[in-house]
Amino acid sequence: MKFIFYLILVLLLVPLQTTLLPHLSVWNIKPDLGLVAAALVGLFAGELEGLLVGLAIGLGARYPRFNADATQVAGSYGGVAFMIVAVLLIIAMIVLVGWPSTTYLFYQLRHRPIPAVRLVLMGSCFAAATVLTVVTWLQGLRSGVRALDAMSN
């Protein structure tokens, strides 16, 4: 059910952002619906879902296929790029969050203290996962916004 909602969200936001919103501005500031939608999904559904929605909106706007029907959208350049980046991102998240989690459980089950070096490495992995999430989200949306601005000019 979530997939259908997110698919409809992406399919509605990209054309709306490209056709209607370039003509609307308040004090010379143009609204960015993709950023707002991705932030709301991340706030209400979780950071990974918000990241993936932001990435889909950004790459969908970067490589749009407005003349394609709904069954061909996933095969567009933006759809394929999104799928590849999303899979690589999920693999990176599994590694960056999985190793510290298993290390923590290993030491807790054996009632041993975690060495300081391991604690630093675990914290570094969590920090890297956070940075990777934010950078990927922002880069995907910024790429889409630049492409939409280039289309409207």
C-alpha atoms as a PDB file:
ATOM      1  CA  MET A   1       0.000   0.000   0.000  1.00  0.00           C
ATOM      2  CA  LYS A   2       2.854   2.372   0.813  1.00  0.00           C
ATOM      3  CA  PHE A   3       4.484   1.633  -2.538  1.00  0.00           C
ATOM      4  CA  ILE A   4       1.344   2.660  -4.421  1.00  0.00           C
ATOM      5  CA  PHE A   5       1.055   5.841  -2.350  1.00  0.00           C
ATOM      6  CA  TYR A   6       4.702   6.776  -2.978  1.00  0.00           C
ATOM      7  CA  LEU A   7       4.420   5.949  -6.689  1.00  0.00           C
ATOM      8  CA  ILE A   8       1.366   8.192  -7.035  1.00  0.00           C
ATOM      9  CA  LEU A   9       3.131  10.895  -4.996  1.00  0.00           C
ATOM     10  CA  VAL A  10       6.158  10.860  -7.303  1.00  0.00           C
ATOM     11  CA  LEU A  11       4.056  10.684 -10.482  1.00  0.00           C
ATOM     12  CA  LEU A  12       2.000  13.703  -9.388  1.00  0.00           C
ATOM     13  CA  LEU A  13       4.754  15.881  -7.947  1.00  0.00           C
ATOM     14  CA  VAL A  14       7.184  15.858 -10.864  1.00  0.00           C
ATOM     15  CA  PRO A  15       4.712  17.109 -13.526  1.00  0.00           C
ATOM     16  CA  LEU A  16       3.186  19.577 -11.067  1.00  0.00           C
ATOM     17  CA  GLN A  17       6.623  20.922 -10.169  1.00  0.00           C
ATOM     18  CA  THR A  18       7.601  21.313 -13.841  1.00  0.00           C
ATOM     19  CA  THR A  19       4.393  22.763 -15.254  1.00  0.00           C
ATOM     20  CA  LEU A  20       2.633  24.831 -12.613  1.00  0.00           C
ATOM     21  CA  LEU A  21       5.128  25.839  -9.960  1.00  0.00           C
ATOM     22  CA  PRO A  22       7.701  27.630 -12.176  1.00  0.00           C
ATOM     23  CA  HIS A  23       5.023  30.288 -12.708  1.00  0.00           C
ATOM     24  CA  LEU A  24       4.251  30.706  -8.992  1.00  0.00           C
ATOM     25  CA  SER A  25       6.509  32.571  -6.629  1.00  0.00           C
ATOM     26  CA  VAL A  26       6.135  34.448  -3.389  1.00  0.00           C
ATOM     27  CA  TRP A  27       8.685  37.246  -3.005  1.00  0.00           C
ATOM     28  CA  ASN A  28      10.678  35.656  -5.836  1.00  0.00           C
ATOM     29  CA  ILE A  29      10.875  32.317  -3.978  1.00  0.00           C
ATOM     30  CA  LYS A  30       9.582  29.255  -5.849  1.00  0.00           C
ATOM     31  CA  PRO A  31       8.151  26.357  -3.811  1.00  0.00           C
ATOM     32  CA  ASP A  32       9.820  22.951  -3.957  1.00  0.00           C
ATOM     33  CA  LEU A  33       7.186  20.257  -3.494  1.00  0.00           C
ATOM     34  CA  GLY A  34       9.682  17.418  -3.827  1.00  0.00           C
ATOM     35  CA  LEU A  35      11.688  18.626  -0.858  1.00  0.00           C
ATOM     36  CA  VAL A  36       8.547  19.139   1.221  1.00  0.00           C
ATOM     37  CA  ALA A  37       7.142  15.706   0.316  1.00  0.00           C
ATOM     38  CA  ALA A  38      10.415  13.897   1.026  1.00  0.00           C
ATOM     39  CA  ALA A  39      10.811  15.700   4.351  1.00  0.00           C
ATOM     40  CA  LEU A  40       7.247  14.834   5.399  1.00  0.00           C
ATOM     41  CA  VAL A  41       7.645  11.185   4.421  1.00  0.00           C
ATOM     42  CA  GLY A  42      10.917  11.056   6.348  1.00  0.00           C
ATOM     43  CA  LEU A  43       9.295  12.688   9.356  1.00  0.00           C
ATOM     44  CA  PHE A  44       6.231  10.449   9.468  1.00  0.00           C
ATOM     45  CA  ALA A  45       7.449   7.144   7.973  1.00  0.00           C
ATOM     46  CA  GLY A  46      11.140   7.067   8.871  1.00  0.00           C
ATOM     47  CA  GLU A  47      14.418   8.335   7.550  1.00  0.00           C
ATOM     48  CA  LEU A  48      15.080   5.480   5.109  1.00  0.00           C
ATOM     49  CA  GLU A  49      11.687   5.864   3.438  1.00  0.00           C
ATOM     50  CA  GLY A  50      12.120   9.633   3.295  1.00  0.00           C
ATOM     51  CA  LEU A  51      15.539   9.139   1.735  1.00  0.00           C
ATOM     52  CA  LEU A  52      14.212   6.766  -0.911  1.00  0.00           C
ATOM     53  CA  VAL A  53      11.249   9.022  -1.750  1.00  0.00           C
ATOM     54  CA  GLY A  54      13.559  12.037  -2.049  1.00  0.00           C
ATOM     55  CA  LEU A  55      15.905  10.063  -4.262  1.00  0.00           C
ATOM     56  CA  ALA A  56      13.019   8.889  -6.457  1.00  0.00           C
ATOM     57  CA  ILE A  57      11.621  12.398  -6.808  1.00  0.00           C
ATOM     58  CA  GLY A  58      15.034  13.862  -7.596  1.00  0.00           C
ATOM     59  CA  LEU A  59      16.056  11.250 -10.139  1.00  0.00           C
ATOM     60  CA  GLY A  60      12.569  11.193 -11.628  1.00  0.00           C
ATOM     61  CA  ALA A  61      12.825  14.926 -12.202  1.00  0.00           C
ATOM     62  CA  ARG A  62      16.382  14.596 -13.514  1.00  0.00           C
ATOM     63  CA  TYR A  63      15.444  12.042 -16.181  1.00  0.00           C
ATOM     64  CA  PRO A  64      11.697  12.436 -16.814  1.00  0.00           C
ATOM     65  CA  ARG A  65       9.577  10.568 -19.355  1.00  0.00           C
ATOM     66  CA  PHE A  66       6.395  12.594 -19.464  1.00  0.00           C
ATOM     67  CA  ASN A  67       5.127  10.913 -22.620  1.00  0.00           C
ATOM     68  CA  ALA A  68       5.314   7.393 -21.120  1.00  0.00           C
ATOM     69  CA  ASP A  69       2.404   5.621 -19.490  1.00  0.00           C
ATOM     70  CA  ALA A  70       2.593   4.458 -15.876  1.00  0.00           C
ATOM     71  CA  THR A  71       3.893   0.995 -16.772  1.00  0.00           C
ATOM     72  CA  GLN A  72       6.965   2.427 -18.524  1.00  0.00           C
ATOM     73  CA  VAL A  73       8.079   4.850 -15.818  1.00  0.00           C
ATOM     74  CA  ALA A  74      10.216   2.293 -13.982  1.00  0.00           C
ATOM     75  CA  GLY A  75      12.143   1.587 -17.193  1.00  0.00           C
ATOM     76  CA  SER A  76      13.138   5.216 -17.734  1.00  0.00           C
ATOM     77  CA  TYR A  77      16.669   6.442 -17.039  1.00  0.00           C
ATOM     78  CA  GLY A  78      15.497   7.993 -13.780  1.00  0.00           C
ATOM     79  CA  GLY A  79      13.708   4.798 -12.713  1.00  0.00           C
ATOM     80  CA  VAL A  80      16.708   2.578 -13.422  1.00  0.00           C
ATOM     81  CA  ALA A  81      19.138   5.035 -11.810  1.00  0.00           C
ATOM     82  CA  PHE A  82      16.906   5.210  -8.741  1.00  0.00           C
ATOM     83  CA  MET A  83      16.729   1.420  -8.436  1.00  0.00           C
ATOM     84  CA  ILE A  84      20.504   1.006  -8.727  1.00  0.00           C
ATOM     85  CA  VAL A  85      21.306   3.788  -6.261  1.00  0.00           C
ATOM     86  CA  ALA A  86      18.599   2.605  -3.843  1.00  0.00           C
ATOM     87  CA  VAL A  87      19.947  -0.969  -3.799  1.00  0.00           C
ATOM     88  CA  LEU A  88      23.523   0.249  -3.281  1.00  0.00           C
ATOM     89  CA  LEU A  89      22.354   2.584  -0.538  1.00  0.00           C
ATOM     90  CA  ILE A  90      20.448  -0.168   1.269  1.00  0.00           C
ATOM     91  CA  ILE A  91      23.498  -2.463   1.075  1.00  0.00           C
ATOM     92  CA  ALA A  92      25.676   0.314   2.520  1.00  0.00           C
ATOM     93  CA  MET A  93      23.134   0.896   5.321  1.00  0.00           C
ATOM     94  CA  ILE A  94      23.055  -2.813   6.153  1.00  0.00           C
ATOM     95  CA  VAL A  95      26.848  -2.848   6.463  1.00  0.00           C
ATOM     96  CA  LEU A  96      27.147   0.473   8.325  1.00  0.00           C
ATOM     97  CA  VAL A  97      24.392  -0.316  10.833  1.00  0.00           C
ATOM     98  CA  GLY A  98      24.639  -4.127  10.887  1.00  0.00           C
ATOM     99  CA  TRP A  99      28.248  -4.459  11.986  1.00  0.00           C
ATOM    100  CA  PRO A 100      27.936  -2.194  15.051  1.00  0.00           C
ATOM    101  CA  SER A 101      24.681  -3.892  16.031  1.00  0.00           C
ATOM    102  CA  THR A 102      26.156  -7.383  15.867  1.00  0.00           C
ATOM    103  CA  THR A 103      29.270  -6.225  17.722  1.00  0.00           C
ATOM    104  CA  TYR A 104      27.115  -4.748  20.487  1.00  0.00           C
ATOM    105  CA  LEU A 105      25.064  -7.954  20.768  1.00  0.00           C
ATOM    106  CA  PHE A 106      28.222 -10.099  20.771  1.00  0.00           C
ATOM    107  CA  TYR A 107      29.678  -8.256  23.754  1.00  0.00           C
ATOM    108  CA  GLN A 108      26.350  -7.997  25.610  1.00  0.00           C
ATOM    109  CA  LEU A 109      25.601 -11.721  25.319  1.00  0.00           C
ATOM    110  CA  ARG A 110      29.037 -12.599  26.682  1.00  0.00           C
ATOM    111  CA  HIS A 111      28.794  -9.966  29.456  1.00  0.00           C
ATOM    112  CA  ARG A 112      32.011  -8.319  28.382  1.00  0.00           C
ATOM    113  CA  PRO A 113      32.773  -4.610  28.156  1.00  0.00           C
ATOM    114  CA  ILE A 114      33.129  -3.221  24.664  1.00  0.00           C
ATOM    115  CA  PRO A 115      36.700  -2.003  24.007  1.00  0.00           C
ATOM    116  CA  ALA A 116      37.113   1.723  23.394  1.00  0.00           C
ATOM    117  CA  VAL A 117      38.429   1.168  19.861  1.00  0.00           C
ATOM    118  CA  ARG A 118      35.297  -0.795  18.971  1.00  0.00           C
ATOM    119  CA  LEU A 119      33.075   1.888  20.474  1.00  0.00           C
ATOM    120  CA  VAL A 120      34.767   4.527  18.331  1.00  0.00           C
ATOM    121  CA  LEU A 121      34.396   2.356  15.221  1.00  0.00           C
ATOM    122  CA  MET A 122      30.740   1.692  16.026  1.00  0.00           C
ATOM    123  CA  GLY A 123      30.070   5.405  16.479  1.00  0.00           C
ATOM    124  CA  SER A 124      31.908   6.136  13.235  1.00  0.00           C
ATOM    125  CA  CYS A 125      29.729   3.635  11.381  1.00  0.00           C
ATOM    126  CA  PHE A 126      26.536   5.228  12.711  1.00  0.00           C
ATOM    127  CA  ALA A 127      27.842   8.704  11.855  1.00  0.00           C
ATOM    128  CA  ALA A 128      28.790   7.550   8.349  1.00  0.00           C
ATOM    129  CA  ALA A 129      25.306   6.075   7.874  1.00  0.00           C
ATOM    130  CA  THR A 130      23.751   9.377   8.934  1.00  0.00           C
ATOM    131  CA  VAL A 131      25.996  11.431   6.653  1.00  0.00           C
ATOM    132  CA  LEU A 132      25.397   9.067   3.721  1.00  0.00           C
ATOM    133  CA  THR A 133      21.644   9.328   4.226  1.00  0.00           C
ATOM    134  CA  VAL A 134      21.602  13.126   4.328  1.00  0.00           C
ATOM    135  CA  VAL A 135      24.043  13.569   1.426  1.00  0.00           C
ATOM    136  CA  THR A 136      22.187  11.124  -0.827  1.00  0.00           C
ATOM    137  CA  TRP A 137      18.833  12.718  -0.015  1.00  0.00           C
ATOM    138  CA  LEU A 138      20.057  16.250  -0.646  1.00  0.00           C
ATOM    139  CA  GLN A 139      22.037  15.365  -3.767  1.00  0.00           C
ATOM    140  CA  GLY A 140      19.095  13.522  -5.334  1.00  0.00           C
ATOM    141  CA  LEU A 141      16.723  16.406  -4.702  1.00  0.00           C
ATOM    142  CA  ARG A 142      19.209  19.092  -5.757  1.00  0.00           C
ATOM    143  CA  SER A 143      19.892  17.242  -9.001  1.00  0.00           C
ATOM    144  CA  GLY A 144      16.168  17.102  -9.721  1.00  0.00           C
ATOM    145  CA  VAL A 145      15.650  20.777  -8.885  1.00  0.00           C
ATOM    146  CA  ARG A 146      18.503  21.817 -11.195  1.00  0.00           C
ATOM    147  CA  ALA A 147      17.042  19.707 -14.009  1.00  0.00           C
ATOM    148  CA  LEU A 148      13.575  21.184 -13.494  1.00  0.00           C
ATOM    149  CA  ASP A 149      14.976  24.706 -13.469  1.00  0.00           C
ATOM    150  CA  ALA A 150      16.833  23.987 -16.722  1.00  0.00           C
ATOM    151  CA  MET A 151      13.587  22.669 -18.293  1.00  0.00           C
ATOM    152  CA  SER A 152      11.591  25.713 -17.266  1.00  0.00           C
ATOM    153  CA  ASN A 153      14.140  28.198 -18.664  1.00  0.00           C
END
